């Protein structure tokens, strides 16, 4: 039995908890969250123990694994910071993969992957660390996803698409085959990407157009 602590206690955490509860070898001991008003309450029956300062003590108590329960709505930063904090504290970040997801055996995945119900990842795709492939998303053959990428519900990547680190593809967006999307790009909901996108841009529309620089690009 793997003892796991969850980092984050919001809506995304609820979905990950329910995925992990479908696994018979995982025991979730509790959740950590920076919001003090949540401490000593519960989420889906799990205690919210405190904040990330408890990580060293949990590690001493034999909790060696964590899951990232922080989602992303445009800003990848909070999820990235939580991931880095857990790794620095010596925790192994576990994957949460829903049993209804369809994943080719030739796919290569990084650590801490979250794949929601009904998602499809096809042949020889490569998926980086701490990636979210959300409900019903489609990642076609030979796609390349960098680290800390979020593919939102019902988004579709055609064959051979590449997505750079810390980028987000919005709800229902479509990226046509062979397109390269840079790092720290935000693709809006329903956008159809028909041409390559450079780093650090916000893209909306059909066809997708760069409308501004991404204000959330890391320094």
N, C-alpha and C. Protein backbone atom coordinates (compact mmCIF):
# COMPACT_ATOMS: atom_id res chain seq x y z
N UNK A 1 0.84 -1.20 0.00
CA UNK A 1 0.00 0.00 0.00
C UNK A 1 0.88 1.25 0.00
N UNK A 2 0.64 2.14 -0.96
CA UNK A 2 1.40 3.38 -1.07
C UNK A 2 0.65 4.47 -0.29
N UNK A 3 1.33 5.08 0.67
CA UNK A 3 0.74 6.18 1.44
C UNK A 3 1.04 7.49 0.72
N UNK A 4 -0.01 8.28 0.48
CA UNK A 4 0.08 9.45 -0.38
C UNK A 4 -0.54 10.65 0.33
N UNK A 5 0.09 11.81 0.19
CA UNK A 5 -0.50 13.06 0.62
C UNK A 5 -0.85 13.88 -0.61
N UNK A 6 -1.99 14.54 -0.57
CA UNK A 6 -2.41 15.38 -1.69
C UNK A 6 -2.05 16.83 -1.44
N UNK A 7 -1.55 17.49 -2.47
CA UNK A 7 -1.19 18.90 -2.38
C UNK A 7 -2.23 19.71 -3.15
N UNK A 8 -3.08 20.40 -2.40
CA UNK A 8 -4.20 21.12 -2.98
C UNK A 8 -5.51 20.52 -2.51
N UNK A 9 -6.50 21.39 -2.28
CA UNK A 9 -7.78 20.93 -1.76
C UNK A 9 -8.94 21.66 -2.42
N UNK A 10 -8.85 21.79 -3.75
CA UNK A 10 -9.91 22.43 -4.52
C UNK A 10 -10.59 21.45 -5.45
N UNK A 11 -11.20 22.00 -6.50
CA UNK A 11 -11.96 21.17 -7.43
C UNK A 11 -11.11 20.14 -8.16
N UNK A 12 -9.91 20.55 -8.60
CA UNK A 12 -9.04 19.60 -9.28
C UNK A 12 -8.68 18.44 -8.36
N UNK A 13 -8.41 18.75 -7.09
CA UNK A 13 -8.07 17.70 -6.14
C UNK A 13 -9.21 16.68 -6.01
N UNK A 14 -10.45 17.14 -6.04
CA UNK A 14 -11.57 16.20 -5.95
C UNK A 14 -11.51 15.14 -7.05
N UNK A 15 -11.22 15.59 -8.27
CA UNK A 15 -11.19 14.66 -9.39
C UNK A 15 -10.04 13.67 -9.24
N UNK A 16 -8.87 14.17 -8.83
CA UNK A 16 -7.72 13.29 -8.66
C UNK A 16 -7.96 12.29 -7.54
N UNK A 17 -8.56 12.74 -6.44
CA UNK A 17 -8.87 11.84 -5.33
C UNK A 17 -9.74 10.68 -5.81
N UNK A 18 -10.77 11.00 -6.58
CA UNK A 18 -11.67 9.94 -7.02
C UNK A 18 -10.99 8.99 -8.01
N UNK A 19 -10.05 9.50 -8.80
CA UNK A 19 -9.27 8.60 -9.66
C UNK A 19 -8.43 7.66 -8.80
N UNK A 20 -7.72 8.22 -7.81
CA UNK A 20 -6.83 7.40 -7.00
C UNK A 20 -7.61 6.40 -6.15
N UNK A 21 -8.83 6.72 -5.79
CA UNK A 21 -9.63 5.77 -5.01
C UNK A 21 -10.02 4.54 -5.82
N UNK A 22 -9.88 4.62 -7.12
CA UNK A 22 -10.14 3.45 -7.96
C UNK A 22 -8.96 2.48 -7.97
N UNK A 23 -7.81 2.94 -7.46
CA UNK A 23 -6.63 2.08 -7.35
C UNK A 23 -6.64 1.41 -5.98
N UNK A 24 -6.27 0.14 -5.94
CA UNK A 24 -6.36 -0.62 -4.69
C UNK A 24 -5.08 -0.57 -3.87
N UNK A 25 -4.05 0.10 -4.40
CA UNK A 25 -2.76 0.10 -3.70
C UNK A 25 -2.38 1.49 -3.20
N UNK A 26 -3.36 2.41 -3.10
CA UNK A 26 -3.08 3.78 -2.69
C UNK A 26 -3.92 4.13 -1.47
N UNK A 27 -3.27 4.65 -0.43
CA UNK A 27 -3.95 5.19 0.74
C UNK A 27 -3.64 6.68 0.83
N UNK A 28 -4.67 7.52 0.71
CA UNK A 28 -4.48 8.97 0.83
C UNK A 28 -4.61 9.33 2.30
N UNK A 29 -3.52 9.84 2.89
CA UNK A 29 -3.51 10.11 4.33
C UNK A 29 -4.10 11.47 4.67
N UNK A 30 -4.19 12.36 3.70
CA UNK A 30 -4.73 13.69 3.93
C UNK A 30 -4.29 14.65 2.85
N UNK A 31 -4.67 15.92 3.02
CA UNK A 31 -4.40 16.95 2.03
C UNK A 31 -3.71 18.14 2.69
N UNK A 32 -2.92 18.85 1.89
CA UNK A 32 -2.29 20.09 2.31
C UNK A 32 -2.74 21.21 1.39
N UNK A 33 -2.95 22.40 1.96
CA UNK A 33 -3.39 23.54 1.16
C UNK A 33 -2.92 24.81 1.86
N UNK A 34 -2.53 25.81 1.08
CA UNK A 34 -2.02 27.05 1.65
C UNK A 34 -3.11 27.91 2.27
N UNK A 35 -4.37 27.64 1.99
CA UNK A 35 -5.47 28.46 2.51
C UNK A 35 -5.80 28.04 3.94
N UNK A 36 -5.47 28.89 4.89
CA UNK A 36 -5.61 28.54 6.30
C UNK A 36 -7.06 28.29 6.71
N UNK A 37 -8.00 28.91 6.01
CA UNK A 37 -9.41 28.70 6.36
C UNK A 37 -9.89 27.28 6.10
N UNK A 38 -9.12 26.53 5.29
CA UNK A 38 -9.48 25.13 5.01
C UNK A 38 -8.88 24.15 6.00
N UNK A 39 -7.91 24.60 6.78
CA UNK A 39 -7.22 23.68 7.69
C UNK A 39 -8.18 23.14 8.74
N UNK A 40 -8.02 21.86 9.04
CA UNK A 40 -8.87 21.14 10.00
C UNK A 40 -10.31 20.99 9.52
N UNK A 41 -10.51 21.12 8.21
CA UNK A 41 -11.77 20.72 7.60
C UNK A 41 -11.50 19.46 6.77
N UNK A 42 -12.43 19.10 5.90
CA UNK A 42 -12.26 17.88 5.12
C UNK A 42 -12.75 18.10 3.70
N UNK A 43 -12.20 17.31 2.78
CA UNK A 43 -12.62 17.29 1.38
C UNK A 43 -12.83 15.86 0.96
N UNK A 44 -14.05 15.53 0.56
CA UNK A 44 -14.41 14.15 0.20
C UNK A 44 -14.00 13.16 1.29
N UNK A 45 -14.18 13.59 2.54
CA UNK A 45 -13.87 12.72 3.67
C UNK A 45 -12.42 12.66 4.07
N UNK A 46 -11.55 13.43 3.40
CA UNK A 46 -10.13 13.43 3.73
C UNK A 46 -9.78 14.68 4.52
N UNK A 47 -8.99 14.55 5.58
CA UNK A 47 -8.65 15.73 6.39
C UNK A 47 -7.69 16.66 5.66
N UNK A 48 -7.94 17.96 5.79
CA UNK A 48 -7.00 18.97 5.30
C UNK A 48 -6.12 19.33 6.50
N UNK A 49 -4.89 18.84 6.47
CA UNK A 49 -4.03 18.81 7.64
C UNK A 49 -3.37 20.15 7.95
N UNK A 50 -3.12 20.93 6.93
CA UNK A 50 -2.38 22.18 7.08
C UNK A 50 -1.77 22.56 5.76
N UNK A 51 -0.61 23.23 5.81
CA UNK A 51 0.03 23.67 4.58
C UNK A 51 1.30 22.87 4.28
N UNK A 52 2.06 23.33 3.30
CA UNK A 52 3.23 22.58 2.85
C UNK A 52 4.33 22.47 3.89
N UNK A 53 4.26 23.26 4.94
CA UNK A 53 5.27 23.15 6.00
C UNK A 53 5.23 21.80 6.70
N UNK A 54 4.14 21.05 6.53
CA UNK A 54 4.02 19.73 7.15
C UNK A 54 4.72 18.63 6.34
N UNK A 55 5.20 18.96 5.15
CA UNK A 55 5.80 17.93 4.30
C UNK A 55 6.97 17.21 4.96
N UNK A 56 7.93 17.90 5.57
CA UNK A 56 9.05 17.17 6.17
C UNK A 56 8.60 16.16 7.24
N UNK A 57 7.64 16.57 8.08
CA UNK A 57 7.16 15.66 9.11
C UNK A 57 6.45 14.45 8.53
N UNK A 58 5.67 14.66 7.49
CA UNK A 58 5.01 13.53 6.84
C UNK A 58 6.03 12.57 6.24
N UNK A 59 7.09 13.14 5.69
CA UNK A 59 8.15 12.29 5.12
C UNK A 59 8.79 11.44 6.20
N UNK A 60 9.05 12.04 7.35
CA UNK A 60 9.63 11.28 8.47
C UNK A 60 8.68 10.17 8.92
N UNK A 61 7.37 10.44 8.84
CA UNK A 61 6.37 9.45 9.26
C UNK A 61 6.14 8.36 8.22
N UNK A 62 6.91 8.38 7.15
CA UNK A 62 6.84 7.29 6.18
C UNK A 62 5.94 7.54 5.00
N UNK A 63 5.43 8.77 4.84
CA UNK A 63 4.64 9.11 3.65
C UNK A 63 5.64 9.57 2.59
N UNK A 64 5.81 8.76 1.55
CA UNK A 64 6.88 9.02 0.57
C UNK A 64 6.37 9.50 -0.78
N UNK A 65 5.05 9.51 -0.96
CA UNK A 65 4.47 9.86 -2.26
C UNK A 65 3.48 11.01 -2.09
N UNK A 66 3.30 11.76 -3.16
CA UNK A 66 2.35 12.87 -3.18
C UNK A 66 1.64 12.92 -4.53
N UNK A 67 0.47 13.51 -4.54
CA UNK A 67 -0.15 13.85 -5.82
C UNK A 67 -0.40 15.35 -5.85
N UNK A 68 -0.43 15.90 -7.07
CA UNK A 68 -0.64 17.33 -7.24
C UNK A 68 -2.13 17.57 -7.49
N UNK A 69 -2.76 18.18 -6.50
CA UNK A 69 -4.19 18.45 -6.58
C UNK A 69 -4.51 19.88 -6.94
N UNK A 70 -3.53 20.59 -7.48
CA UNK A 70 -3.72 21.98 -7.91
C UNK A 70 -3.88 21.99 -9.42
N UNK A 71 -4.99 22.51 -9.91
CA UNK A 71 -5.21 22.60 -11.34
C UNK A 71 -4.66 23.90 -11.92
N UNK A 72 -4.99 24.15 -13.16
CA UNK A 72 -4.54 25.37 -13.81
C UNK A 72 -5.69 25.96 -14.61
N UNK A 73 -5.95 27.25 -14.39
CA UNK A 73 -6.90 27.99 -15.22
C UNK A 73 -6.13 29.16 -15.81
N UNK A 74 -5.35 28.88 -16.81
CA UNK A 74 -4.53 29.90 -17.44
C UNK A 74 -3.16 30.04 -16.81
N UNK A 75 -3.08 30.04 -15.48
CA UNK A 75 -1.81 30.26 -14.79
C UNK A 75 -1.25 28.92 -14.33
N UNK A 76 -0.16 28.49 -14.95
CA UNK A 76 0.49 27.23 -14.61
C UNK A 76 1.29 27.37 -13.32
N UNK A 77 1.62 28.60 -12.92
CA UNK A 77 2.55 28.85 -11.83
C UNK A 77 2.25 28.14 -10.53
N UNK A 78 1.02 28.22 -9.98
CA UNK A 78 0.77 27.56 -8.69
C UNK A 78 0.99 26.04 -8.73
N UNK A 79 0.57 25.39 -9.79
CA UNK A 79 0.79 23.95 -9.90
C UNK A 79 2.28 23.63 -9.99
N UNK A 80 2.99 24.41 -10.77
CA UNK A 80 4.43 24.20 -10.92
C UNK A 80 5.13 24.36 -9.57
N UNK A 81 4.78 25.39 -8.81
CA UNK A 81 5.44 25.62 -7.52
C UNK A 81 5.18 24.49 -6.54
N UNK A 82 3.95 23.99 -6.51
CA UNK A 82 3.63 22.88 -5.61
C UNK A 82 4.41 21.63 -6.01
N UNK A 83 4.49 21.36 -7.29
CA UNK A 83 5.26 20.22 -7.79
C UNK A 83 6.72 20.34 -7.35
N UNK A 84 7.31 21.51 -7.53
CA UNK A 84 8.71 21.70 -7.17
C UNK A 84 8.92 21.58 -5.66
N UNK A 85 7.97 22.09 -4.87
CA UNK A 85 8.07 21.99 -3.42
C UNK A 85 8.07 20.54 -2.96
N UNK A 86 7.16 19.74 -3.51
CA UNK A 86 7.08 18.33 -3.13
C UNK A 86 8.34 17.57 -3.53
N UNK A 87 8.84 17.84 -4.71
CA UNK A 87 10.07 17.17 -5.16
C UNK A 87 11.25 17.55 -4.27
N UNK A 88 11.34 18.83 -3.92
CA UNK A 88 12.44 19.28 -3.08
C UNK A 88 12.39 18.65 -1.69
N UNK A 89 11.18 18.32 -1.22
CA UNK A 89 11.02 17.68 0.08
C UNK A 89 11.23 16.17 0.01
N UNK A 90 11.55 15.65 -1.16
CA UNK A 90 11.88 14.24 -1.29
C UNK A 90 10.72 13.33 -1.62
N UNK A 91 9.60 13.89 -2.03
CA UNK A 91 8.43 13.08 -2.35
C UNK A 91 8.46 12.62 -3.80
N UNK A 92 7.99 11.42 -4.02
CA UNK A 92 7.76 10.91 -5.37
C UNK A 92 6.35 11.32 -5.79
N UNK A 93 6.23 11.93 -6.96
CA UNK A 93 4.92 12.38 -7.43
C UNK A 93 4.29 11.25 -8.24
N UNK A 94 3.14 10.78 -7.79
CA UNK A 94 2.51 9.65 -8.45
C UNK A 94 1.61 10.12 -9.59
N UNK A 95 1.41 9.24 -10.54
CA UNK A 95 0.47 9.48 -11.63
C UNK A 95 -0.94 9.13 -11.18
N UNK A 96 -1.91 9.85 -11.71
CA UNK A 96 -3.33 9.54 -11.50
C UNK A 96 -3.95 9.37 -12.88
N UNK A 97 -4.24 8.14 -13.26
CA UNK A 97 -4.75 7.84 -14.60
C UNK A 97 -6.08 7.11 -14.46
N UNK A 98 -7.13 7.71 -14.97
CA UNK A 98 -8.46 7.11 -14.87
C UNK A 98 -8.52 5.84 -15.70
N UNK A 99 -9.17 4.78 -15.19
CA UNK A 99 -9.20 3.51 -15.93
C UNK A 99 -9.93 3.58 -17.26
N UNK A 100 -10.74 4.62 -17.49
CA UNK A 100 -11.40 4.72 -18.80
C UNK A 100 -10.56 5.46 -19.83
N UNK A 101 -9.43 6.00 -19.42
CA UNK A 101 -8.52 6.62 -20.40
C UNK A 101 -7.92 5.54 -21.29
N UNK A 102 -7.69 5.90 -22.55
CA UNK A 102 -7.11 4.95 -23.51
C UNK A 102 -5.71 5.46 -23.86
N UNK A 103 -4.70 4.69 -23.49
CA UNK A 103 -3.31 5.12 -23.65
C UNK A 103 -2.55 4.05 -24.42
N UNK A 104 -1.98 4.42 -25.54
CA UNK A 104 -1.20 3.48 -26.33
C UNK A 104 -0.03 2.94 -25.51
N UNK A 105 0.30 1.66 -25.68
CA UNK A 105 1.47 1.11 -24.97
C UNK A 105 2.79 1.71 -25.42
N UNK A 106 2.81 2.41 -26.55
CA UNK A 106 4.06 3.02 -27.03
C UNK A 106 4.25 4.45 -26.56
N UNK A 107 3.32 4.96 -25.75
CA UNK A 107 3.44 6.31 -25.22
C UNK A 107 4.53 6.36 -24.15
N UNK A 108 5.31 7.44 -24.14
CA UNK A 108 6.31 7.67 -23.10
C UNK A 108 5.82 8.82 -22.21
N UNK A 109 5.82 8.58 -20.90
CA UNK A 109 5.28 9.59 -19.99
C UNK A 109 6.30 9.95 -18.92
N UNK A 110 6.21 11.21 -18.46
CA UNK A 110 7.05 11.67 -17.37
C UNK A 110 6.42 11.36 -16.03
N UNK A 111 6.87 12.06 -14.99
CA UNK A 111 6.38 11.80 -13.65
C UNK A 111 5.20 12.72 -13.34
N UNK A 112 4.33 12.24 -12.44
CA UNK A 112 3.24 13.06 -11.94
C UNK A 112 2.14 13.34 -12.93
N UNK A 113 1.97 12.49 -13.93
CA UNK A 113 0.96 12.71 -14.95
C UNK A 113 -0.45 12.53 -14.39
N UNK A 114 -1.38 13.38 -14.82
CA UNK A 114 -2.80 13.22 -14.50
C UNK A 114 -3.57 13.09 -15.81
N UNK A 115 -4.27 11.96 -15.97
CA UNK A 115 -5.10 11.74 -17.16
C UNK A 115 -6.51 11.41 -16.70
N UNK A 116 -7.45 12.24 -17.12
CA UNK A 116 -8.82 12.15 -16.65
C UNK A 116 -9.64 11.14 -17.47
N UNK A 117 -10.86 10.97 -17.04
CA UNK A 117 -11.76 10.00 -17.66
C UNK A 117 -11.97 10.30 -19.14
N UNK A 118 -11.94 9.24 -19.96
CA UNK A 118 -12.28 9.35 -21.37
C UNK A 118 -11.22 9.97 -22.25
N UNK A 119 -10.07 10.31 -21.71
CA UNK A 119 -8.99 10.86 -22.54
C UNK A 119 -8.38 9.77 -23.41
N UNK A 120 -7.80 10.18 -24.54
CA UNK A 120 -7.14 9.25 -25.47
C UNK A 120 -5.75 9.79 -25.77
N UNK A 121 -4.74 8.93 -25.63
CA UNK A 121 -3.37 9.29 -25.99
C UNK A 121 -2.86 8.20 -26.93
N UNK A 122 -2.58 8.59 -28.15
CA UNK A 122 -2.29 7.59 -29.18
C UNK A 122 -0.79 7.37 -29.40
N UNK A 123 -0.48 6.53 -30.37
CA UNK A 123 0.82 5.89 -30.52
C UNK A 123 1.99 6.86 -30.53
N UNK A 124 3.01 6.50 -29.75
CA UNK A 124 4.31 7.16 -29.70
C UNK A 124 4.26 8.65 -29.36
N UNK A 125 3.21 9.04 -28.67
CA UNK A 125 3.21 10.37 -28.07
C UNK A 125 4.22 10.39 -26.92
N UNK A 126 4.77 11.55 -26.65
CA UNK A 126 5.70 11.74 -25.53
C UNK A 126 5.13 12.84 -24.64
N UNK A 127 4.95 12.51 -23.36
CA UNK A 127 4.29 13.40 -22.42
C UNK A 127 5.28 13.74 -21.30
N UNK A 128 5.48 15.03 -21.02
CA UNK A 128 6.44 15.45 -20.01
C UNK A 128 5.93 15.31 -18.59
N UNK A 129 6.69 15.86 -17.65
CA UNK A 129 6.36 15.78 -16.22
C UNK A 129 5.21 16.71 -15.87
N UNK A 130 4.39 16.26 -14.89
CA UNK A 130 3.38 17.13 -14.26
C UNK A 130 2.37 17.66 -15.26
N UNK A 131 2.04 16.85 -16.23
CA UNK A 131 1.08 17.22 -17.29
C UNK A 131 -0.33 16.81 -16.88
N UNK A 132 -1.31 17.65 -17.20
CA UNK A 132 -2.72 17.29 -17.07
C UNK A 132 -3.29 17.06 -18.47
N UNK A 133 -3.87 15.88 -18.69
CA UNK A 133 -4.67 15.62 -19.88
C UNK A 133 -6.09 15.42 -19.38
N UNK A 134 -6.91 16.41 -19.59
CA UNK A 134 -8.18 16.49 -18.88
C UNK A 134 -9.27 15.66 -19.57
N UNK A 135 -10.45 15.71 -19.00
CA UNK A 135 -11.55 14.83 -19.38
C UNK A 135 -11.85 14.88 -20.88
N UNK A 136 -11.78 13.72 -21.53
CA UNK A 136 -12.16 13.61 -22.92
C UNK A 136 -11.21 14.23 -23.91
N UNK A 137 -10.04 14.65 -23.49
CA UNK A 137 -9.06 15.24 -24.42
C UNK A 137 -8.47 14.15 -25.32
N UNK A 138 -8.04 14.56 -26.52
CA UNK A 138 -7.45 13.62 -27.48
C UNK A 138 -6.05 14.11 -27.85
N UNK A 139 -5.08 13.25 -27.62
CA UNK A 139 -3.69 13.50 -27.99
C UNK A 139 -3.35 12.48 -29.07
N UNK A 140 -3.22 12.92 -30.30
CA UNK A 140 -3.02 11.98 -31.39
C UNK A 140 -1.56 11.49 -31.46
N UNK A 141 -1.33 10.58 -32.39
CA UNK A 141 -0.03 9.93 -32.54
C UNK A 141 1.11 10.94 -32.72
N UNK A 142 2.24 10.62 -32.15
CA UNK A 142 3.50 11.37 -32.33
C UNK A 142 3.46 12.79 -31.78
N UNK A 143 2.51 13.11 -30.94
CA UNK A 143 2.53 14.42 -30.29
C UNK A 143 3.64 14.49 -29.25
N UNK A 144 4.09 15.70 -28.98
CA UNK A 144 5.12 15.94 -27.97
C UNK A 144 4.63 17.03 -27.03
N UNK A 145 4.43 16.68 -25.77
CA UNK A 145 3.99 17.63 -24.76
C UNK A 145 5.13 17.86 -23.77
N UNK A 146 5.50 19.13 -23.57
CA UNK A 146 6.56 19.46 -22.62
C UNK A 146 6.10 19.30 -21.18
N UNK A 147 6.90 19.80 -20.26
CA UNK A 147 6.60 19.70 -18.84
C UNK A 147 5.56 20.74 -18.43
N UNK A 148 4.70 20.34 -17.47
CA UNK A 148 3.74 21.25 -16.82
C UNK A 148 2.72 21.82 -17.82
N UNK A 149 2.35 21.01 -18.79
CA UNK A 149 1.35 21.39 -19.80
C UNK A 149 -0.03 20.96 -19.32
N UNK A 150 -1.06 21.74 -19.67
CA UNK A 150 -2.45 21.37 -19.38
C UNK A 150 -3.23 21.34 -20.69
N UNK A 151 -3.78 20.16 -21.00
CA UNK A 151 -4.68 19.99 -22.14
C UNK A 151 -6.08 19.88 -21.55
N UNK A 152 -6.91 20.87 -21.80
CA UNK A 152 -8.21 21.00 -21.13
C UNK A 152 -9.24 20.00 -21.68
N UNK A 153 -10.38 19.87 -20.98
CA UNK A 153 -11.41 18.94 -21.44
C UNK A 153 -11.81 19.16 -22.90
N UNK A 154 -11.90 18.03 -23.61
CA UNK A 154 -12.36 17.98 -25.00
C UNK A 154 -11.44 18.68 -26.00
N UNK A 155 -10.28 19.12 -25.56
CA UNK A 155 -9.31 19.66 -26.52
C UNK A 155 -8.75 18.51 -27.36
N UNK A 156 -8.36 18.83 -28.60
CA UNK A 156 -7.85 17.82 -29.52
C UNK A 156 -6.55 18.29 -30.16
N UNK A 157 -5.53 17.46 -30.07
CA UNK A 157 -4.26 17.71 -30.76
C UNK A 157 -4.14 16.71 -31.89
N UNK A 158 -4.00 17.21 -33.13
CA UNK A 158 -3.79 16.33 -34.26
C UNK A 158 -2.42 15.68 -34.21
N UNK A 159 -2.20 14.73 -35.12
CA UNK A 159 -0.94 14.01 -35.14
C UNK A 159 0.27 14.92 -35.28
N UNK A 160 1.33 14.61 -34.52
CA UNK A 160 2.59 15.31 -34.66
C UNK A 160 2.63 16.71 -34.10
N UNK A 161 1.65 17.09 -33.29
CA UNK A 161 1.66 18.42 -32.66
C UNK A 161 2.69 18.44 -31.53
N UNK A 162 3.36 19.56 -31.34
CA UNK A 162 4.24 19.74 -30.19
C UNK A 162 3.78 20.95 -29.38
N UNK A 163 3.79 20.78 -28.07
CA UNK A 163 3.37 21.83 -27.14
C UNK A 163 4.52 22.08 -26.17
N UNK A 164 4.99 23.32 -26.07
CA UNK A 164 6.11 23.64 -25.21
C UNK A 164 5.76 23.66 -23.74
N UNK A 165 6.79 23.71 -22.90
CA UNK A 165 6.63 23.71 -21.45
C UNK A 165 5.69 24.81 -20.98
N UNK A 166 4.88 24.47 -19.97
CA UNK A 166 4.04 25.42 -19.23
C UNK A 166 2.98 26.09 -20.11
N UNK A 167 2.57 25.41 -21.16
CA UNK A 167 1.50 25.94 -22.01
C UNK A 167 0.17 25.28 -21.65
N UNK A 168 -0.92 25.97 -22.02
CA UNK A 168 -2.26 25.45 -21.75
C UNK A 168 -3.11 25.54 -23.00
N UNK A 169 -3.80 24.44 -23.31
CA UNK A 169 -4.73 24.38 -24.43
C UNK A 169 -6.13 24.35 -23.85
N UNK A 170 -6.96 25.36 -24.17
CA UNK A 170 -8.24 25.57 -23.51
C UNK A 170 -9.32 24.58 -23.91
N UNK A 171 -10.44 24.68 -23.23
CA UNK A 171 -11.59 23.80 -23.43
C UNK A 171 -11.99 23.73 -24.90
N UNK A 172 -12.04 22.51 -25.43
CA UNK A 172 -12.54 22.31 -26.77
C UNK A 172 -11.68 22.86 -27.89
N UNK A 173 -10.49 23.33 -27.59
CA UNK A 173 -9.62 23.86 -28.64
C UNK A 173 -9.11 22.73 -29.53
N UNK A 174 -8.74 23.08 -30.75
CA UNK A 174 -8.22 22.12 -31.72
C UNK A 174 -6.89 22.65 -32.26
N UNK A 175 -5.88 21.80 -32.23
CA UNK A 175 -4.59 22.15 -32.81
C UNK A 175 -4.36 21.21 -34.00
N UNK A 176 -4.24 21.77 -35.20
CA UNK A 176 -4.16 20.95 -36.40
C UNK A 176 -2.84 20.18 -36.45
N UNK A 177 -2.83 19.07 -37.22
CA UNK A 177 -1.64 18.21 -37.26
C UNK A 177 -0.36 18.96 -37.63
N UNK A 178 0.72 18.59 -36.96
CA UNK A 178 2.03 19.11 -37.30
C UNK A 178 2.35 20.48 -36.76
N UNK A 179 1.43 21.11 -36.05
CA UNK A 179 1.64 22.46 -35.54
C UNK A 179 2.59 22.44 -34.33
N UNK A 180 3.46 23.45 -34.26
CA UNK A 180 4.30 23.64 -33.08
C UNK A 180 3.78 24.83 -32.28
N UNK A 181 3.48 24.57 -31.01
CA UNK A 181 3.07 25.61 -30.07
C UNK A 181 4.22 25.79 -29.08
N UNK A 182 4.65 27.02 -28.88
CA UNK A 182 5.79 27.30 -28.02
C UNK A 182 5.51 27.12 -26.55
N UNK A 183 6.47 27.52 -25.73
CA UNK A 183 6.34 27.46 -24.28
C UNK A 183 5.54 28.65 -23.76
N UNK A 184 4.86 28.44 -22.64
CA UNK A 184 4.11 29.49 -21.94
C UNK A 184 3.10 30.17 -22.87
N UNK A 185 2.43 29.35 -23.65
CA UNK A 185 1.36 29.82 -24.54
C UNK A 185 0.02 29.48 -23.92
N UNK A 186 -0.94 30.39 -24.02
CA UNK A 186 -2.31 30.16 -23.57
C UNK A 186 -3.21 30.17 -24.79
N UNK A 187 -3.83 29.02 -25.07
CA UNK A 187 -4.76 28.88 -26.20
C UNK A 187 -6.18 28.89 -25.63
N UNK A 188 -6.98 29.84 -26.04
CA UNK A 188 -8.31 30.02 -25.48
C UNK A 188 -9.28 28.93 -25.86
N UNK A 189 -10.37 28.84 -25.09
CA UNK A 189 -11.41 27.85 -25.33
C UNK A 189 -11.97 27.98 -26.75
N UNK A 190 -12.14 26.84 -27.41
CA UNK A 190 -12.73 26.81 -28.74
C UNK A 190 -11.85 27.29 -29.86
N UNK A 191 -10.61 27.64 -29.58
CA UNK A 191 -9.70 28.12 -30.62
C UNK A 191 -9.31 26.99 -31.57
N UNK A 192 -9.13 27.33 -32.84
CA UNK A 192 -8.60 26.38 -33.82
C UNK A 192 -7.24 26.91 -34.28
N UNK A 193 -6.19 26.19 -33.90
CA UNK A 193 -4.82 26.64 -34.19
C UNK A 193 -4.40 26.05 -35.54
N UNK A 194 -4.13 26.93 -36.50
CA UNK A 194 -3.82 26.50 -37.86
C UNK A 194 -2.38 26.81 -38.26
N UNK A 195 -1.64 27.50 -37.39
CA UNK A 195 -0.25 27.83 -37.69
C UNK A 195 0.57 27.80 -36.41
N UNK A 196 1.88 27.71 -36.56
CA UNK A 196 2.77 27.65 -35.41
C UNK A 196 2.61 28.91 -34.53
N UNK A 197 2.79 28.71 -33.22
CA UNK A 197 2.66 29.79 -32.25
C UNK A 197 3.98 29.96 -31.51
N UNK A 198 4.55 31.17 -31.49
CA UNK A 198 5.81 31.38 -30.75
C UNK A 198 5.59 31.38 -29.25
N UNK A 199 6.68 31.36 -28.51
CA UNK A 199 6.62 31.35 -27.05
C UNK A 199 5.87 32.57 -26.50
N UNK A 200 5.20 32.36 -25.36
CA UNK A 200 4.71 33.46 -24.56
C UNK A 200 3.57 34.26 -25.14
N UNK A 201 2.67 33.61 -25.89
CA UNK A 201 1.57 34.32 -26.53
C UNK A 201 0.22 33.81 -26.04
N UNK A 202 -0.80 34.65 -26.19
CA UNK A 202 -2.20 34.27 -25.96
C UNK A 202 -2.88 34.22 -27.31
N UNK A 203 -3.59 33.11 -27.58
CA UNK A 203 -4.17 32.85 -28.89
C UNK A 203 -5.66 32.58 -28.73
N UNK A 204 -6.49 33.25 -29.55
CA UNK A 204 -7.93 33.02 -29.54
C UNK A 204 -8.46 33.02 -30.97
N UNK A 205 -9.63 32.37 -31.14
CA UNK A 205 -10.39 32.51 -32.37
C UNK A 205 -10.32 31.32 -33.30
N UNK A 206 -11.07 31.43 -34.40
CA UNK A 206 -11.10 30.42 -35.45
C UNK A 206 -11.07 31.12 -36.80
N UNK A 207 -9.89 31.13 -37.44
CA UNK A 207 -8.64 30.50 -36.99
C UNK A 207 -7.99 31.28 -35.85
N UNK A 208 -7.15 30.57 -35.09
CA UNK A 208 -6.50 31.19 -33.95
C UNK A 208 -5.54 32.29 -34.35
N UNK A 209 -5.60 33.39 -33.62
CA UNK A 209 -4.69 34.52 -33.85
C UNK A 209 -4.06 34.94 -32.53
N UNK A 210 -2.80 35.35 -32.59
CA UNK A 210 -2.15 35.90 -31.41
C UNK A 210 -2.78 37.24 -31.10
N UNK A 211 -3.31 37.40 -29.89
CA UNK A 211 -3.96 38.66 -29.53
C UNK A 211 -3.13 39.49 -28.57
N UNK A 212 -2.21 38.86 -27.87
CA UNK A 212 -1.34 39.62 -26.96
C UNK A 212 -0.26 38.69 -26.43
N UNK A 213 0.70 39.29 -25.73
CA UNK A 213 1.66 38.49 -24.97
C UNK A 213 0.99 37.91 -23.74
N UNK A 214 1.48 36.77 -23.31
CA UNK A 214 0.93 36.13 -22.12
C UNK A 214 1.44 36.87 -20.87
N UNK A 215 0.56 37.51 -20.11
CA UNK A 215 1.03 38.27 -18.94
C UNK A 215 1.53 37.39 -17.81
N UNK A 216 1.30 36.07 -17.91
CA UNK A 216 1.68 35.15 -16.85
C UNK A 216 3.01 34.46 -17.12
N UNK A 217 3.72 34.89 -18.15
CA UNK A 217 5.02 34.29 -18.44
C UNK A 217 5.94 34.48 -17.25
N UNK A 218 6.64 33.38 -16.89
CA UNK A 218 7.56 33.45 -15.74
C UNK A 218 8.74 34.34 -16.05
N UNK A 219 9.25 35.00 -15.00
CA UNK A 219 10.45 35.83 -15.16
C UNK A 219 11.68 34.96 -15.40
